[in-house]
Amino acid sequence: MNQCYLCFALFLPLAGATAATPLTDPDARHQPGDGIIKVYGPGGPHSALQKAASLWTKQSGVKVEIVYGPESQWSKAAQRDADLIFGSSEQSMTAFLETYTFIHSRSVQPLYLQSAVIAVKPGNPRDIHSFNDLLEKEVAIVVTEGAGVYNTSGTGVWEDLAGRKGRLKDVKNIRSKIIAFAKGSGAAFKAFQQPDADAWITWSDWPLTHPDKAELVKIEPERRLYRDMNVAVASHAEPQTAEFVRFLTSPQATEIFAREGWKR
């Protein structure tokens, strides 16, 4: 075995090894089984999930509890009793796999897609109708970012949109107009509501579920991008969890998700 191979091998992870993350609770013991399907994940997809869960509970008699928001708020509880983890993008779910070792990559199921959009103030006072308007107008933009420390589906979205046509000047243009790199969609939504903010690069479900505070502007097709909503069933989850996941792609659930900007 040559020396170069030995050096490379030193950096290979051991098979099956897992590394603790900042949110890992070393005292947590994953023990679902209380008769309630406990579902944990970020804000955004939760709204459609809650509506679908309510309908399924009426039909099945099995209670579903949706716990959502910043991961730090629900992580410890999830490590103890989660039956299902949901994510708002593939990259965010991949991060969840590091902390919640009772879910596995092979069990991740992408269910729906949603598009990035521009949220503007009600009445669209700055007359923004496209991403090109963000480039051409003097506007103040809010974006959602993980900043290397926060798990959010918004990470890198503004950069992907700005760089879509391969023009560095577009990335520079948008960056110069960003007034808030908010950690998570909830924080970005608050920043967008400030008087000095004109536009928020976000996902379709936010303006659709908050029509009194935001108006949706579609991004032109040549720049548009999508990320998915996905779920992962936990090991030893309540037996009915798989049935609930199947319901989430039923015609009834699909209609609920479609009203909030999700598509299959």
C-alpha atoms as a PDB file:
ATOM      1  CA  MET A   1       0.000   0.000   0.000  1.00  0.00           C
ATOM      2  CA  ASN A   2       1.633   3.244  -1.069  1.00  0.00           C
ATOM      3  CA  GLN A   3       2.048   6.287   1.152  1.00  0.00           C
ATOM      4  CA  CYS A   4      -0.418   8.464  -0.781  1.00  0.00           C
ATOM      5  CA  TYR A   5      -3.185   5.891  -0.342  1.00  0.00           C
ATOM      6  CA  LEU A   6      -2.436   5.678   3.375  1.00  0.00           C
ATOM      7  CA  CYS A   7      -2.760   9.451   3.708  1.00  0.00           C
ATOM      8  CA  PHE A   8      -6.080   9.405   1.866  1.00  0.00           C
ATOM      9  CA  ALA A   9      -7.398   6.530   3.964  1.00  0.00           C
ATOM     10  CA  LEU A  10      -6.798   8.454   7.174  1.00  0.00           C
ATOM     11  CA  PHE A  11      -9.526  10.881   6.136  1.00  0.00           C
ATOM     12  CA  LEU A  12     -12.149   8.277   5.263  1.00  0.00           C
ATOM     13  CA  PRO A  13     -15.004   7.982   7.797  1.00  0.00           C
ATOM     14  CA  LEU A  14     -15.476   4.631   9.470  1.00  0.00           C
ATOM     15  CA  ALA A  15     -18.345   2.635   8.023  1.00  0.00           C
ATOM     16  CA  GLY A  16     -21.518   3.372   9.962  1.00  0.00           C
ATOM     17  CA  ALA A  17     -19.865   6.102  12.014  1.00  0.00           C
ATOM     18  CA  THR A  18     -21.899   9.177  12.880  1.00  0.00           C
ATOM     19  CA  ALA A  19     -20.675  12.509  14.131  1.00  0.00           C
ATOM     20  CA  ALA A  20     -22.463  14.594  16.726  1.00  0.00           C
ATOM     21  CA  THR A  21     -23.799  17.955  15.588  1.00  0.00           C
ATOM     22  CA  PRO A  22     -24.240  21.085  17.745  1.00  0.00           C
ATOM     23  CA  LEU A  23     -27.875  20.093  18.295  1.00  0.00           C
ATOM     24  CA  THR A  24     -27.181  16.481  19.245  1.00  0.00           C
ATOM     25  CA  ASP A  25     -28.427  15.675  22.740  1.00  0.00           C
ATOM     26  CA  PRO A  26     -26.170  12.922  24.111  1.00  0.00           C
ATOM     27  CA  ASP A  27     -28.756  12.002  26.733  1.00  0.00           C
ATOM     28  CA  ALA A  28     -31.637  11.586  24.288  1.00  0.00           C
ATOM     29  CA  ARG A  29     -33.109   8.129  23.744  1.00  0.00           C
ATOM     30  CA  HIS A  30     -35.396   7.850  20.772  1.00  0.00           C
ATOM     31  CA  GLN A  31     -38.540   6.184  22.072  1.00  0.00           C
ATOM     32  CA  PRO A  32     -41.654   6.941  20.004  1.00  0.00           C
ATOM     33  CA  GLY A  33     -44.758   4.930  20.678  1.00  0.00           C
ATOM     34  CA  ASP A  34     -47.193   7.118  22.585  1.00  0.00           C
ATOM     35  CA  GLY A  35     -50.053   6.609  20.142  1.00  0.00           C
ATOM     36  CA  ILE A  36     -49.574  10.055  18.561  1.00  0.00           C
ATOM     37  CA  ILE A  37     -47.714  10.595  15.293  1.00  0.00           C
ATOM     38  CA  LYS A  38     -45.164  13.283  16.178  1.00  0.00           C
ATOM     39  CA  VAL A  39     -43.976  15.257  13.154  1.00  0.00           C
ATOM     40  CA  TYR A  40     -41.134  17.799  13.308  1.00  0.00           C
ATOM     41  CA  GLY A  41     -39.723  20.242  10.769  1.00  0.00           C
ATOM     42  CA  PRO A  42     -39.299  23.839   9.615  1.00  0.00           C
ATOM     43  CA  GLY A  43     -41.846  26.586   9.211  1.00  0.00           C
ATOM     44  CA  GLY A  44     -43.320  26.910   5.724  1.00  0.00           C
ATOM     45  CA  PRO A  45     -44.486  23.425   4.742  1.00  0.00           C
ATOM     46  CA  HIS A  46     -46.102  23.108   8.175  1.00  0.00           C
ATOM     47  CA  SER A  47     -49.202  25.011   7.100  1.00  0.00           C
ATOM     48  CA  ALA A  48     -50.271  22.520   4.426  1.00  0.00           C
ATOM     49  CA  LEU A  49     -49.129  19.630   6.608  1.00  0.00           C
ATOM     50  CA  GLN A  50     -51.368  20.773   9.452  1.00  0.00           C
ATOM     51  CA  LYS A  51     -54.401  20.961   7.171  1.00  0.00           C
ATOM     52  CA  ALA A  52     -53.681  17.554   5.669  1.00  0.00           C
ATOM     53  CA  ALA A  53     -53.056  16.039   9.093  1.00  0.00           C
ATOM     54  CA  SER A  54     -56.326  17.422  10.424  1.00  0.00           C
ATOM     55  CA  LEU A  55     -58.244  15.812   7.559  1.00  0.00           C
ATOM     56  CA  TRP A  56     -56.433  12.489   7.953  1.00  0.00           C
ATOM     57  CA  THR A  57     -57.109  12.438  11.706  1.00  0.00           C
ATOM     58  CA  LYS A  58     -60.821  12.882  11.033  1.00  0.00           C
ATOM     59  CA  GLN A  59     -60.725   9.945   8.622  1.00  0.00           C
ATOM     60  CA  SER A  60     -58.432   7.619  10.591  1.00  0.00           C
ATOM     61  CA  GLY A  61     -58.961   8.606  14.215  1.00  0.00           C
ATOM     62  CA  VAL A  62     -55.183   8.765  14.727  1.00  0.00           C
ATOM     63  CA  LYS A  63     -53.857  12.006  16.190  1.00  0.00           C
ATOM     64  CA  VAL A  64     -51.031  13.801  14.395  1.00  0.00           C
ATOM     65  CA  GLU A  65     -49.025  16.535  16.074  1.00  0.00           C
ATOM     66  CA  ILE A  66     -47.069  18.933  13.824  1.00  0.00           C
ATOM     67  CA  VAL A  67     -44.237  20.748  15.603  1.00  0.00           C
ATOM     68  CA  TYR A  68     -42.528  23.375  13.463  1.00  0.00           C
ATOM     69  CA  GLY A  69     -40.232  26.355  13.535  1.00  0.00           C
ATOM     70  CA  PRO A  70     -36.502  26.917  14.008  1.00  0.00           C
ATOM     71  CA  GLU A  71     -34.802  23.555  14.499  1.00  0.00           C
ATOM     72  CA  SER A  72     -33.253  24.624  17.801  1.00  0.00           C
ATOM     73  CA  GLN A  73     -36.751  24.933  19.283  1.00  0.00           C
ATOM     74  CA  TRP A  74     -37.829  21.360  18.584  1.00  0.00           C
ATOM     75  CA  SER A  75     -34.616  19.385  18.172  1.00  0.00           C
ATOM     76  CA  LYS A  76     -34.400  17.914  21.689  1.00  0.00           C
ATOM     77  CA  ALA A  77     -38.010  16.773  21.643  1.00  0.00           C
ATOM     78  CA  ALA A  78     -37.624  15.272  18.174  1.00  0.00           C
ATOM     79  CA  GLN A  79     -34.605  13.254  19.278  1.00  0.00           C
ATOM     80  CA  ARG A  80     -36.836  11.613  21.878  1.00  0.00           C
ATOM     81  CA  ASP A  81     -40.165  10.973  20.174  1.00  0.00           C
ATOM     82  CA  ALA A  82     -40.235  11.893  16.464  1.00  0.00           C
ATOM     83  CA  ASP A  83     -42.128   9.551  14.167  1.00  0.00           C
ATOM     84  CA  LEU A  84     -41.583  11.706  11.108  1.00  0.00           C
ATOM     85  CA  ILE A  85     -39.182  14.476  10.131  1.00  0.00           C
ATOM     86  CA  PHE A  86     -40.041  16.811   7.265  1.00  0.00           C
ATOM     87  CA  GLY A  87     -37.723  19.094   5.345  1.00  0.00           C
ATOM     88  CA  SER A  88     -38.176  22.023   2.984  1.00  0.00           C
ATOM     89  CA  SER A  89     -35.295  21.137   0.658  1.00  0.00           C
ATOM     90  CA  GLU A  90     -32.922  18.289  -0.025  1.00  0.00           C
ATOM     91  CA  GLN A  91     -29.963  20.152   1.443  1.00  0.00           C
ATOM     92  CA  SER A  92     -31.821  20.850   4.679  1.00  0.00           C
ATOM     93  CA  MET A  93     -32.994  17.239   4.995  1.00  0.00           C
ATOM     94  CA  THR A  94     -29.399  16.083   4.456  1.00  0.00           C
ATOM     95  CA  ALA A  95     -28.433  18.185   7.471  1.00  0.00           C
ATOM     96  CA  PHE A  96     -31.268  16.642   9.507  1.00  0.00           C
ATOM     97  CA  LEU A  97     -29.850  13.194   8.773  1.00  0.00           C
ATOM     98  CA  GLU A  98     -26.732  14.143  10.712  1.00  0.00           C
ATOM     99  CA  THR A  99     -28.595  14.968  13.937  1.00  0.00           C
ATOM    100  CA  TYR A 100     -31.556  12.567  13.833  1.00  0.00           C
ATOM    101  CA  THR A 101     -29.816   9.228  13.440  1.00  0.00           C
ATOM    102  CA  PHE A 102     -33.116   7.345  13.562  1.00  0.00           C
ATOM    103  CA  ILE A 103     -33.874   8.518  10.006  1.00  0.00           C
ATOM    104  CA  HIS A 104     -31.829   7.420   7.020  1.00  0.00           C
ATOM    105  CA  SER A 105     -31.124   8.689   3.542  1.00  0.00           C
ATOM    106  CA  ARG A 106     -32.850   5.689   1.988  1.00  0.00           C
ATOM    107  CA  SER A 107     -36.066   6.585   3.812  1.00  0.00           C
ATOM    108  CA  VAL A 108     -36.265  10.189   2.541  1.00  0.00           C
ATOM    109  CA  GLN A 109     -39.284  10.701   0.284  1.00  0.00           C
ATOM    110  CA  PRO A 110     -39.603  13.878  -1.826  1.00  0.00           C
ATOM    111  CA  LEU A 111     -43.327  14.698  -1.930  1.00  0.00           C
ATOM    112  CA  TYR A 112     -43.821  18.156  -3.460  1.00  0.00           C
ATOM    113  CA  LEU A 113     -41.992  20.973  -5.227  1.00  0.00           C
ATOM    114  CA  GLN A 114     -42.417  24.700  -4.775  1.00  0.00           C
ATOM    115  CA  SER A 115     -40.891  27.584  -6.681  1.00  0.00           C
ATOM    116  CA  ALA A 116     -38.843  30.499  -5.482  1.00  0.00           C
ATOM    117  CA  VAL A 117     -40.768  33.771  -5.813  1.00  0.00           C
ATOM    118  CA  ILE A 118     -40.499  37.436  -4.941  1.00  0.00           C
ATOM    119  CA  ALA A 119     -42.687  38.674  -2.113  1.00  0.00           C
ATOM    120  CA  VAL A 120     -43.595  42.370  -2.271  1.00  0.00           C
ATOM    121  CA  LYS A 121     -45.666  44.599  -0.042  1.00  0.00           C
ATOM    122  CA  PRO A 122     -49.455  44.493  -0.593  1.00  0.00           C
ATOM    123  CA  GLY A 123     -50.387  46.602  -3.591  1.00  0.00           C
ATOM    124  CA  ASN A 124     -46.854  46.221  -4.987  1.00  0.00           C
ATOM    125  CA  PRO A 125     -45.891  49.872  -4.366  1.00  0.00           C
ATOM    126  CA  ARG A 126     -42.467  49.526  -6.062  1.00  0.00           C
ATOM    127  CA  ASP A 127     -44.040  48.021  -9.208  1.00  0.00           C
ATOM    128  CA  ILE A 128     -41.925  44.848  -9.149  1.00  0.00           C
ATOM    129  CA  HIS A 129     -43.092  42.206 -11.617  1.00  0.00           C
ATOM    130  CA  SER A 130     -40.003  40.083 -12.294  1.00  0.00           C
ATOM    131  CA  PHE A 131     -36.504  39.250 -11.139  1.00  0.00           C
ATOM    132  CA  ASN A 132     -35.284  41.551 -13.888  1.00  0.00           C
ATOM    133  CA  ASP A 133     -37.025  44.408 -12.062  1.00  0.00           C
ATOM    134  CA  LEU A 134     -34.879  43.669  -9.013  1.00  0.00           C
ATOM    135  CA  LEU A 135     -31.828  44.085 -11.230  1.00  0.00           C
ATOM    136  CA  GLU A 136     -33.018  47.295 -12.872  1.00  0.00           C
ATOM    137  CA  LYS A 137     -34.649  49.135  -9.958  1.00  0.00           C
ATOM    138  CA  GLU A 138     -33.127  50.631  -6.814  1.00  0.00           C
ATOM    139  CA  VAL A 139     -34.809  48.338  -4.310  1.00  0.00           C
ATOM    140  CA  ALA A 140     -34.055  46.967  -0.845  1.00  0.00           C
ATOM    141  CA  ILE A 141     -34.055  43.168  -0.789  1.00  0.00           C
ATOM    142  CA  VAL A 142     -34.373  40.645   2.036  1.00  0.00           C
ATOM    143  CA  VAL A 143     -33.009  37.126   1.545  1.00  0.00           C
ATOM    144  CA  THR A 144     -33.088  33.972   3.643  1.00  0.00           C
ATOM    145  CA  GLU A 145     -29.689  32.483   4.413  1.00  0.00           C
ATOM    146  CA  GLY A 146     -28.194  29.822   6.654  1.00  0.00           C
ATOM    147  CA  ALA A 147     -24.911  31.713   6.994  1.00  0.00           C
ATOM    148  CA  GLY A 148     -23.176  28.439   7.714  1.00  0.00           C
ATOM    149  CA  VAL A 149     -24.874  28.077  11.096  1.00  0.00           C
ATOM    150  CA  TYR A 150     -28.599  27.720  10.372  1.00  0.00           C
ATOM    151  CA  ASN A 151     -30.460  24.984   8.513  1.00  0.00           C
ATOM    152  CA  THR A 152     -32.847  26.612   6.039  1.00  0.00           C
ATOM    153  CA  SER A 153     -34.117  25.852   2.548  1.00  0.00           C
ATOM    154  CA  GLY A 154     -33.350  29.450   1.591  1.00  0.00           C
ATOM    155  CA  THR A 155     -29.594  28.997   1.694  1.00  0.00           C
ATOM    156  CA  GLY A 156     -28.067  30.081  -1.606  1.00  0.00           C
ATOM    157  CA  VAL A 157     -31.380  30.680  -3.375  1.00  0.00           C
ATOM    158  CA  TRP A 158     -30.781  34.357  -4.151  1.00  0.00           C
ATOM    159  CA  GLU A 159     -27.337  33.508  -5.538  1.00  0.00           C
ATOM    160  CA  ASP A 160     -28.719  30.690  -7.708  1.00  0.00           C
ATOM    161  CA  LEU A 161     -31.346  33.018  -9.134  1.00  0.00           C
ATOM    162  CA  ALA A 162     -28.946  35.894  -9.712  1.00  0.00           C
ATOM    163  CA  GLY A 163     -26.321  33.661 -11.308  1.00  0.00           C
ATOM    164  CA  ARG A 164     -28.771  31.678 -13.413  1.00  0.00           C
ATOM    165  CA  LYS A 165     -27.666  33.314 -16.666  1.00  0.00           C
ATOM    166  CA  GLY A 166     -23.964  33.067 -15.923  1.00  0.00           C
ATOM    167  CA  ARG A 167     -23.435  36.791 -15.468  1.00  0.00           C
ATOM    168  CA  LEU A 168     -21.315  37.825 -12.495  1.00  0.00           C
ATOM    169  CA  LYS A 169     -22.657  41.357 -12.754  1.00  0.00           C
ATOM    170  CA  ASP A 170     -26.131  40.087 -11.844  1.00  0.00           C
ATOM    171  CA  VAL A 171     -24.832  38.504  -8.629  1.00  0.00           C
ATOM    172  CA  LYS A 172     -22.984  41.708  -7.751  1.00  0.00           C
ATOM    173  CA  ASN A 173     -26.097  43.736  -8.515  1.00  0.00           C
ATOM    174  CA  ILE A 174     -28.408  41.749  -6.260  1.00  0.00           C
ATOM    175  CA  ARG A 175     -25.849  41.470  -3.467  1.00  0.00           C
ATOM    176  CA  SER A 176     -25.450  45.234  -3.362  1.00  0.00           C
ATOM    177  CA  LYS A 177     -29.198  45.609  -2.740  1.00  0.00           C
ATOM    178  CA  ILE A 178     -29.590  43.062   0.065  1.00  0.00           C
ATOM    179  CA  ILE A 179     -30.379  44.741   3.377  1.00  0.00           C
ATOM    180  CA  ALA A 180     -30.887  41.570   5.451  1.00  0.00           C
ATOM    181  CA  PHE A 181     -29.415  38.072   5.303  1.00  0.00           C
ATOM    182  CA  ALA A 182     -31.956  36.573   7.685  1.00  0.00           C
ATOM    183  CA  LYS A 183     -31.358  33.204   9.300  1.00  0.00           C
ATOM    184  CA  GLY A 184     -34.490  31.262   8.428  1.00  0.00           C
ATOM    185  CA  SER A 185     -37.750  32.154   6.727  1.00  0.00           C
ATOM    186  CA  GLY A 186     -39.445  33.286   9.932  1.00  0.00           C
ATOM    187  CA  ALA A 187     -36.726  35.839  10.592  1.00  0.00           C
ATOM    188  CA  ALA A 188     -36.747  36.889   6.939  1.00  0.00           C
ATOM    189  CA  PHE A 189     -40.515  37.399   7.044  1.00  0.00           C
ATOM    190  CA  LYS A 190     -40.090  39.754  10.011  1.00  0.00           C
ATOM    191  CA  ALA A 191     -37.302  41.637   8.240  1.00  0.00           C
ATOM    192  CA  PHE A 192     -39.447  41.972   5.122  1.00  0.00           C
ATOM    193  CA  GLN A 193     -42.210  43.642   7.118  1.00  0.00           C
ATOM    194  CA  GLN A 194     -39.915  46.530   8.044  1.00  0.00           C
ATOM    195  CA  PRO A 195     -40.707  49.787   6.189  1.00  0.00           C
ATOM    196  CA  ASP A 196     -37.360  49.921   4.385  1.00  0.00           C
ATOM    197  CA  ALA A 197     -37.753  46.482   2.739  1.00  0.00           C
ATOM    198  CA  ASP A 198     -39.182  46.347  -0.778  1.00  0.00           C
ATOM    199  CA  ALA A 199     -38.827  42.697  -1.764  1.00  0.00           C
ATOM    200  CA  TRP A 200     -38.128  39.297  -0.259  1.00  0.00           C
ATOM    201  CA  ILE A 201     -36.748  36.378  -2.255  1.00  0.00           C
ATOM    202  CA  THR A 202     -38.605  33.448  -0.737  1.00  0.00           C
ATOM    203  CA  TRP A 203     -40.873  30.475  -1.458  1.00  0.00           C
ATOM    204  CA  SER A 204     -44.414  30.576  -2.807  1.00  0.00           C
ATOM    205  CA  ASP A 205     -46.059  29.278   0.367  1.00  0.00           C
ATOM    206  CA  TRP A 206     -45.143  32.357   2.432  1.00  0.00           C
ATOM    207  CA  PRO A 207     -47.033  35.041   0.469  1.00  0.00           C
ATOM    208  CA  LEU A 208     -49.851  32.598  -0.300  1.00  0.00           C
ATOM    209  CA  THR A 209     -50.433  31.965   3.403  1.00  0.00           C
ATOM    210  CA  HIS A 210     -49.925  35.622   4.440  1.00  0.00           C
ATOM    211  CA  PRO A 211     -51.858  37.591   1.782  1.00  0.00           C
ATOM    212  CA  ASP A 212     -52.449  40.485   4.161  1.00  0.00           C
ATOM    213  CA  LYS A 213     -48.709  41.098   4.494  1.00  0.00           C
ATOM    214  CA  ALA A 214     -47.192  39.947   1.228  1.00  0.00           C
ATOM    215  CA  GLU A 215     -48.056  39.754  -2.446  1.00  0.00           C
ATOM    216  CA  LEU A 216     -46.577  37.075  -4.717  1.00  0.00           C
ATOM    217  CA  VAL A 217     -44.574  37.968  -7.818  1.00  0.00           C
ATOM    218  CA  LYS A 218     -43.532  35.052 -10.020  1.00  0.00           C
ATOM    219  CA  ILE A 219     -39.961  34.812 -11.250  1.00  0.00           C
ATOM    220  CA  GLU A 220     -39.575  34.555 -15.009  1.00  0.00           C
ATOM    221  CA  PRO A 221     -39.271  30.938 -16.279  1.00  0.00           C
ATOM    222  CA  GLU A 222     -35.671  31.281 -17.464  1.00  0.00           C
ATOM    223  CA  ARG A 223     -34.553  32.021 -13.891  1.00  0.00           C
ATOM    224  CA  ARG A 224     -37.108  30.077 -11.889  1.00  0.00           C
ATOM    225  CA  LEU A 225     -35.962  27.303  -9.556  1.00  0.00           C
ATOM    226  CA  TYR A 226     -37.623  24.770  -7.310  1.00  0.00           C
ATOM    227  CA  ARG A 227     -36.857  22.882  -4.113  1.00  0.00           C
ATOM    228  CA  ASP A 228     -38.807  20.049  -2.576  1.00  0.00           C
ATOM    229  CA  MET A 229     -40.726  19.248   0.562  1.00  0.00           C
ATOM    230  CA  ASN A 230     -39.726  15.822   1.820  1.00  0.00           C
ATOM    231  CA  VAL A 231     -40.287  13.454   4.721  1.00  0.00           C
ATOM    232  CA  ALA A 232     -38.356  10.673   6.446  1.00  0.00           C
ATOM    233  CA  VAL A 233     -40.059   8.075   8.621  1.00  0.00           C
ATOM    234  CA  ALA A 234     -38.207   7.276  11.838  1.00  0.00           C
ATOM    235  CA  SER A 235     -37.095   3.833  12.864  1.00  0.00           C
ATOM    236  CA  HIS A 236     -39.682   2.330  15.249  1.00  0.00           C
ATOM    237  CA  ALA A 237     -42.231   4.992  14.288  1.00  0.00           C
ATOM    238  CA  GLU A 238     -45.903   4.542  15.084  1.00  0.00           C
ATOM    239  CA  PRO A 239     -47.250   1.871  12.686  1.00  0.00           C
ATOM    240  CA  GLN A 240     -49.747   4.321  11.189  1.00  0.00           C
ATOM    241  CA  THR A 241     -46.974   6.764  10.166  1.00  0.00           C
ATOM    242  CA  ALA A 242     -46.439   5.086   6.793  1.00  0.00           C
ATOM    243  CA  GLU A 243     -50.180   5.269   6.148  1.00  0.00           C
ATOM    244  CA  PHE A 244     -50.149   8.997   6.952  1.00  0.00           C
ATOM    245  CA  VAL A 245     -47.262   9.549   4.528  1.00  0.00           C
ATOM    246  CA  ARG A 246     -49.204   7.751   1.799  1.00  0.00           C
ATOM    247  CA  PHE A 247     -52.165  10.036   2.503  1.00  0.00           C
ATOM    248  CA  LEU A 248     -49.947  13.087   1.972  1.00  0.00           C
ATOM    249  CA  THR A 249     -49.839  12.337  -1.768  1.00  0.00           C
ATOM    250  CA  SER A 250     -53.521  11.455  -2.076  1.00  0.00           C
ATOM    251  CA  PRO A 251     -55.797  13.605  -4.269  1.00  0.00           C
ATOM    252  CA  GLN A 252     -57.262  15.213  -1.147  1.00  0.00           C
ATOM    253  CA  ALA A 253     -53.860  16.162   0.258  1.00  0.00           C
ATOM    254  CA  THR A 254     -52.527  17.209  -3.142  1.00  0.00           C
ATOM    255  CA  GLU A 255     -55.353  19.737  -3.388  1.00  0.00           C
ATOM    256  CA  ILE A 256     -54.467  21.146   0.037  1.00  0.00           C
ATOM    257  CA  PHE A 257     -50.788  21.498  -0.858  1.00  0.00           C
ATOM    258  CA  ALA A 258     -51.594  23.009  -4.266  1.00  0.00           C
ATOM    259  CA  ARG A 259     -53.489  25.864  -2.624  1.00  0.00           C
ATOM    260  CA  GLU A 260     -50.245  26.801  -0.849  1.00  0.00           C
ATOM    261  CA  GLY A 261     -48.032  26.658  -3.931  1.00  0.00           C
ATOM    262  CA  TRP A 262     -46.852  23.042  -3.865  1.00  0.00           C
ATOM    263  CA  LYS A 263     -46.958  20.780  -6.899  1.00  0.00           C
ATOM    264  CA  ARG A 264     -46.108  17.179  -7.779  1.00  0.00           C
END
